[in-house]
N, C-alpha and C. Protein backbone atom coordinates (compact mmCIF):
# COMPACT_ATOMS: atom_id res chain seq x y z
N MET A 1 -71.49 -47.25 -16.00
CA MET A 1 -70.16 -46.95 -16.47
C MET A 1 -69.15 -47.38 -15.40
N THR A 2 -68.06 -47.90 -15.86
CA THR A 2 -67.03 -48.30 -14.90
C THR A 2 -66.27 -47.08 -14.42
N ALA A 3 -65.55 -47.26 -13.33
CA ALA A 3 -64.76 -46.14 -12.78
C ALA A 3 -63.70 -45.69 -13.78
N ARG A 4 -63.17 -46.65 -14.54
CA ARG A 4 -62.13 -46.32 -15.51
C ARG A 4 -62.68 -45.43 -16.64
N LYS A 5 -63.88 -45.79 -17.14
CA LYS A 5 -64.50 -44.99 -18.19
C LYS A 5 -64.87 -43.61 -17.67
N THR A 6 -65.35 -43.54 -16.44
CA THR A 6 -65.70 -42.26 -15.85
C THR A 6 -64.47 -41.37 -15.72
N ALA A 7 -63.35 -41.94 -15.32
CA ALA A 7 -62.11 -41.19 -15.19
C ALA A 7 -61.64 -40.67 -16.54
N LYS A 8 -61.74 -41.51 -17.58
CA LYS A 8 -61.35 -41.09 -18.92
C LYS A 8 -62.24 -39.95 -19.42
N LYS A 9 -63.54 -40.08 -19.17
CA LYS A 9 -64.48 -39.07 -19.64
C LYS A 9 -64.23 -37.75 -18.94
N SER A 10 -63.99 -37.77 -17.62
CA SER A 10 -63.76 -36.52 -16.91
C SER A 10 -62.41 -35.91 -17.29
N ALA A 11 -61.45 -36.73 -17.68
CA ALA A 11 -60.15 -36.21 -18.11
C ALA A 11 -60.28 -35.48 -19.44
N LYS A 12 -61.25 -35.86 -20.25
CA LYS A 12 -61.44 -35.23 -21.56
C LYS A 12 -62.19 -33.91 -21.46
N LEU A 13 -62.89 -33.65 -20.35
CA LEU A 13 -63.60 -32.39 -20.21
C LEU A 13 -62.59 -31.26 -20.14
N ARG A 14 -62.83 -30.23 -20.91
CA ARG A 14 -61.90 -29.09 -20.98
C ARG A 14 -62.53 -27.87 -20.35
N VAL A 15 -61.69 -27.04 -19.81
CA VAL A 15 -62.14 -25.78 -19.26
C VAL A 15 -62.43 -24.84 -20.42
N LYS A 16 -63.56 -24.16 -20.37
CA LYS A 16 -63.91 -23.23 -21.44
C LYS A 16 -63.02 -22.00 -21.33
N LEU A 17 -62.38 -21.63 -22.42
CA LEU A 17 -61.52 -20.46 -22.44
C LEU A 17 -62.28 -19.26 -22.98
N ILE A 18 -62.07 -18.13 -22.37
CA ILE A 18 -62.69 -16.89 -22.80
C ILE A 18 -61.60 -15.99 -23.38
N ARG A 19 -61.79 -15.52 -24.59
CA ARG A 19 -60.83 -14.61 -25.21
C ARG A 19 -61.33 -13.18 -25.02
N ASP A 20 -60.41 -12.31 -24.66
CA ASP A 20 -60.77 -10.92 -24.43
C ASP A 20 -59.57 -10.06 -24.77
N SER A 21 -59.77 -8.79 -24.91
CA SER A 21 -58.65 -7.89 -25.16
C SER A 21 -58.81 -6.67 -24.28
N PHE A 22 -57.69 -6.04 -23.97
CA PHE A 22 -57.71 -4.87 -23.12
C PHE A 22 -56.45 -4.06 -23.39
N ALA A 23 -56.44 -2.85 -22.88
CA ALA A 23 -55.29 -1.97 -23.06
C ALA A 23 -54.62 -1.75 -21.71
N MET A 24 -53.31 -1.49 -21.76
CA MET A 24 -52.58 -1.16 -20.55
C MET A 24 -51.43 -0.23 -20.93
N PRO A 25 -51.00 0.58 -19.99
CA PRO A 25 -49.87 1.47 -20.28
C PRO A 25 -48.60 0.67 -20.56
N GLU A 26 -47.69 1.28 -21.33
CA GLU A 26 -46.43 0.62 -21.65
C GLU A 26 -45.68 0.21 -20.40
N SER A 27 -45.73 1.04 -19.36
CA SER A 27 -45.00 0.74 -18.13
C SER A 27 -45.50 -0.55 -17.49
N ASP A 28 -46.81 -0.79 -17.52
CA ASP A 28 -47.36 -2.03 -16.98
C ASP A 28 -46.99 -3.21 -17.86
N PHE A 29 -47.01 -2.99 -19.17
CA PHE A 29 -46.63 -4.06 -20.09
C PHE A 29 -45.17 -4.44 -19.89
N ALA A 30 -44.33 -3.45 -19.58
CA ALA A 30 -42.92 -3.71 -19.31
C ALA A 30 -42.75 -4.57 -18.06
N VAL A 31 -43.65 -4.42 -17.09
CA VAL A 31 -43.58 -5.24 -15.88
C VAL A 31 -43.78 -6.71 -16.25
N ILE A 32 -44.62 -6.99 -17.23
CA ILE A 32 -44.81 -8.37 -17.67
C ILE A 32 -43.49 -8.92 -18.18
N GLY A 33 -42.76 -8.14 -18.98
CA GLY A 33 -41.46 -8.58 -19.48
C GLY A 33 -40.48 -8.84 -18.35
N THR A 34 -40.48 -7.97 -17.35
CA THR A 34 -39.59 -8.15 -16.20
C THR A 34 -39.94 -9.43 -15.44
N LEU A 35 -41.22 -9.67 -15.24
CA LEU A 35 -41.65 -10.88 -14.53
C LEU A 35 -41.31 -12.14 -15.32
N LYS A 36 -41.45 -12.07 -16.65
CA LYS A 36 -41.09 -13.21 -17.48
C LYS A 36 -39.59 -13.49 -17.37
N SER A 37 -38.78 -12.44 -17.35
CA SER A 37 -37.33 -12.60 -17.19
C SER A 37 -36.98 -13.20 -15.84
N THR A 38 -37.67 -12.74 -14.80
CA THR A 38 -37.44 -13.26 -13.46
C THR A 38 -37.76 -14.75 -13.41
N ALA A 39 -38.87 -15.14 -14.02
CA ALA A 39 -39.25 -16.55 -14.05
C ALA A 39 -38.22 -17.37 -14.83
N LEU A 40 -37.75 -16.82 -15.95
CA LEU A 40 -36.72 -17.53 -16.73
C LEU A 40 -35.44 -17.69 -15.93
N GLY A 41 -35.10 -16.68 -15.13
CA GLY A 41 -33.94 -16.77 -14.26
C GLY A 41 -34.09 -17.88 -13.24
N ALA A 42 -35.32 -18.18 -12.89
CA ALA A 42 -35.61 -19.28 -11.97
C ALA A 42 -35.90 -20.58 -12.73
N ARG A 43 -35.54 -20.58 -14.01
CA ARG A 43 -35.69 -21.75 -14.89
C ARG A 43 -37.13 -22.19 -15.09
N ARG A 44 -38.00 -21.21 -15.26
CA ARG A 44 -39.41 -21.51 -15.53
C ARG A 44 -39.91 -20.53 -16.58
N ALA A 45 -40.17 -21.03 -17.78
CA ALA A 45 -40.79 -20.19 -18.81
C ALA A 45 -42.23 -19.93 -18.41
N VAL A 46 -42.69 -18.72 -18.65
CA VAL A 46 -44.05 -18.35 -18.27
C VAL A 46 -44.66 -17.50 -19.38
N LYS A 47 -45.96 -17.66 -19.58
CA LYS A 47 -46.68 -16.90 -20.58
C LYS A 47 -47.35 -15.69 -19.92
N LYS A 48 -47.65 -14.69 -20.74
CA LYS A 48 -48.34 -13.50 -20.22
C LYS A 48 -49.63 -13.89 -19.53
N SER A 49 -50.39 -14.77 -20.14
CA SER A 49 -51.67 -15.15 -19.56
C SER A 49 -51.49 -15.81 -18.20
N GLU A 50 -50.41 -16.58 -18.03
CA GLU A 50 -50.15 -17.21 -16.73
C GLU A 50 -49.85 -16.16 -15.67
N LEU A 51 -49.08 -15.14 -16.04
CA LEU A 51 -48.79 -14.06 -15.10
C LEU A 51 -50.05 -13.31 -14.71
N LEU A 52 -50.90 -13.03 -15.68
CA LEU A 52 -52.14 -12.31 -15.39
C LEU A 52 -53.06 -13.15 -14.50
N ARG A 53 -53.14 -14.44 -14.79
CA ARG A 53 -53.99 -15.32 -13.98
C ARG A 53 -53.45 -15.43 -12.56
N ALA A 54 -52.12 -15.53 -12.41
CA ALA A 54 -51.52 -15.60 -11.08
C ALA A 54 -51.78 -14.31 -10.32
N GLY A 55 -51.66 -13.18 -11.01
CA GLY A 55 -51.94 -11.89 -10.38
C GLY A 55 -53.38 -11.79 -9.91
N LEU A 56 -54.30 -12.28 -10.72
CA LEU A 56 -55.72 -12.26 -10.32
C LEU A 56 -55.94 -13.09 -9.07
N ARG A 57 -55.30 -14.24 -9.01
CA ARG A 57 -55.47 -15.10 -7.83
C ARG A 57 -54.88 -14.45 -6.59
N MET A 58 -53.77 -13.73 -6.76
CA MET A 58 -53.19 -13.03 -5.62
C MET A 58 -54.10 -11.89 -5.18
N LEU A 59 -54.67 -11.15 -6.15
CA LEU A 59 -55.61 -10.08 -5.81
C LEU A 59 -56.84 -10.62 -5.08
N ALA A 60 -57.26 -11.80 -5.46
CA ALA A 60 -58.44 -12.41 -4.85
C ALA A 60 -58.23 -12.71 -3.37
N THR A 61 -56.98 -12.78 -2.92
CA THR A 61 -56.71 -13.06 -1.51
C THR A 61 -56.73 -11.79 -0.65
N LEU A 62 -56.77 -10.63 -1.28
CA LEU A 62 -56.74 -9.37 -0.54
C LEU A 62 -58.11 -9.02 0.03
N ASP A 63 -58.10 -8.30 1.15
CA ASP A 63 -59.37 -7.78 1.64
C ASP A 63 -59.73 -6.55 0.81
N ALA A 64 -60.92 -6.03 1.00
CA ALA A 64 -61.42 -4.92 0.16
C ALA A 64 -60.52 -3.70 0.25
N THR A 65 -60.01 -3.39 1.43
CA THR A 65 -59.17 -2.19 1.59
C THR A 65 -57.88 -2.33 0.80
N ALA A 66 -57.23 -3.48 0.90
CA ALA A 66 -55.97 -3.71 0.18
C ALA A 66 -56.22 -3.76 -1.33
N LEU A 67 -57.33 -4.37 -1.74
CA LEU A 67 -57.68 -4.43 -3.16
C LEU A 67 -57.86 -3.02 -3.73
N LEU A 68 -58.63 -2.20 -3.02
CA LEU A 68 -58.86 -0.83 -3.49
C LEU A 68 -57.57 -0.02 -3.50
N ALA A 69 -56.68 -0.25 -2.54
CA ALA A 69 -55.39 0.44 -2.52
C ALA A 69 -54.58 0.06 -3.75
N ALA A 70 -54.60 -1.21 -4.13
CA ALA A 70 -53.88 -1.66 -5.32
C ALA A 70 -54.48 -1.03 -6.58
N ILE A 71 -55.78 -0.97 -6.65
CA ILE A 71 -56.45 -0.38 -7.81
C ILE A 71 -56.19 1.12 -7.87
N ASP A 72 -56.24 1.78 -6.72
CA ASP A 72 -56.00 3.22 -6.68
C ASP A 72 -54.57 3.57 -7.07
N GLY A 73 -53.65 2.63 -6.94
CA GLY A 73 -52.26 2.86 -7.30
C GLY A 73 -51.97 2.74 -8.79
N LEU A 74 -52.97 2.35 -9.56
CA LEU A 74 -52.78 2.21 -11.01
C LEU A 74 -52.83 3.56 -11.71
N GLU A 75 -52.09 3.63 -12.80
CA GLU A 75 -52.14 4.82 -13.66
C GLU A 75 -53.47 4.80 -14.41
N PRO A 76 -54.25 5.89 -14.35
CA PRO A 76 -55.52 5.90 -15.07
C PRO A 76 -55.29 5.87 -16.59
N ILE A 77 -56.14 5.16 -17.29
CA ILE A 77 -56.06 5.12 -18.75
C ILE A 77 -57.43 5.39 -19.34
N LYS A 78 -57.43 5.84 -20.57
CA LYS A 78 -58.67 6.06 -21.29
C LYS A 78 -59.23 4.70 -21.71
N THR A 79 -60.51 4.49 -21.48
CA THR A 79 -61.11 3.23 -21.86
C THR A 79 -61.73 3.34 -23.24
N GLY A 80 -62.01 2.21 -23.84
CA GLY A 80 -62.63 2.18 -25.16
C GLY A 80 -61.61 2.00 -26.26
N ARG A 81 -62.12 1.78 -27.43
CA ARG A 81 -61.25 1.57 -28.60
C ARG A 81 -60.96 2.90 -29.27
N PRO A 82 -59.75 3.02 -29.83
CA PRO A 82 -59.45 4.25 -30.56
C PRO A 82 -60.32 4.35 -31.82
N LYS A 83 -60.61 5.58 -32.24
CA LYS A 83 -61.42 5.76 -33.44
C LYS A 83 -60.60 5.39 -34.66
N LYS A 84 -61.27 4.80 -35.64
CA LYS A 84 -60.60 4.44 -36.89
C LYS A 84 -60.41 5.68 -37.74
N HIS A 85 -59.24 5.80 -38.32
CA HIS A 85 -58.96 6.92 -39.21
C HIS A 85 -59.26 6.47 -40.64
N THR A 86 -60.20 7.14 -41.30
CA THR A 86 -60.55 6.75 -42.67
C THR A 86 -60.16 7.81 -43.65
């Protein structure tokens, strides 16, 4: 294969996306809106998923103590799905 064909083939490879769902308190969800507004003020539209991914990358730079401090600062929430009312 030529270098050109190899470059085209690697450009076509896509990152596999994983879909997931989770719950968060309204106050945390409001922070997403605030961050989106801040980004718009800086003339950059941003999606929720981009903010979450950026946050994960920032958390990944923390040492264990700082990471646990950030996690301990979160409001506890009930996990699991709500029961269906029939």
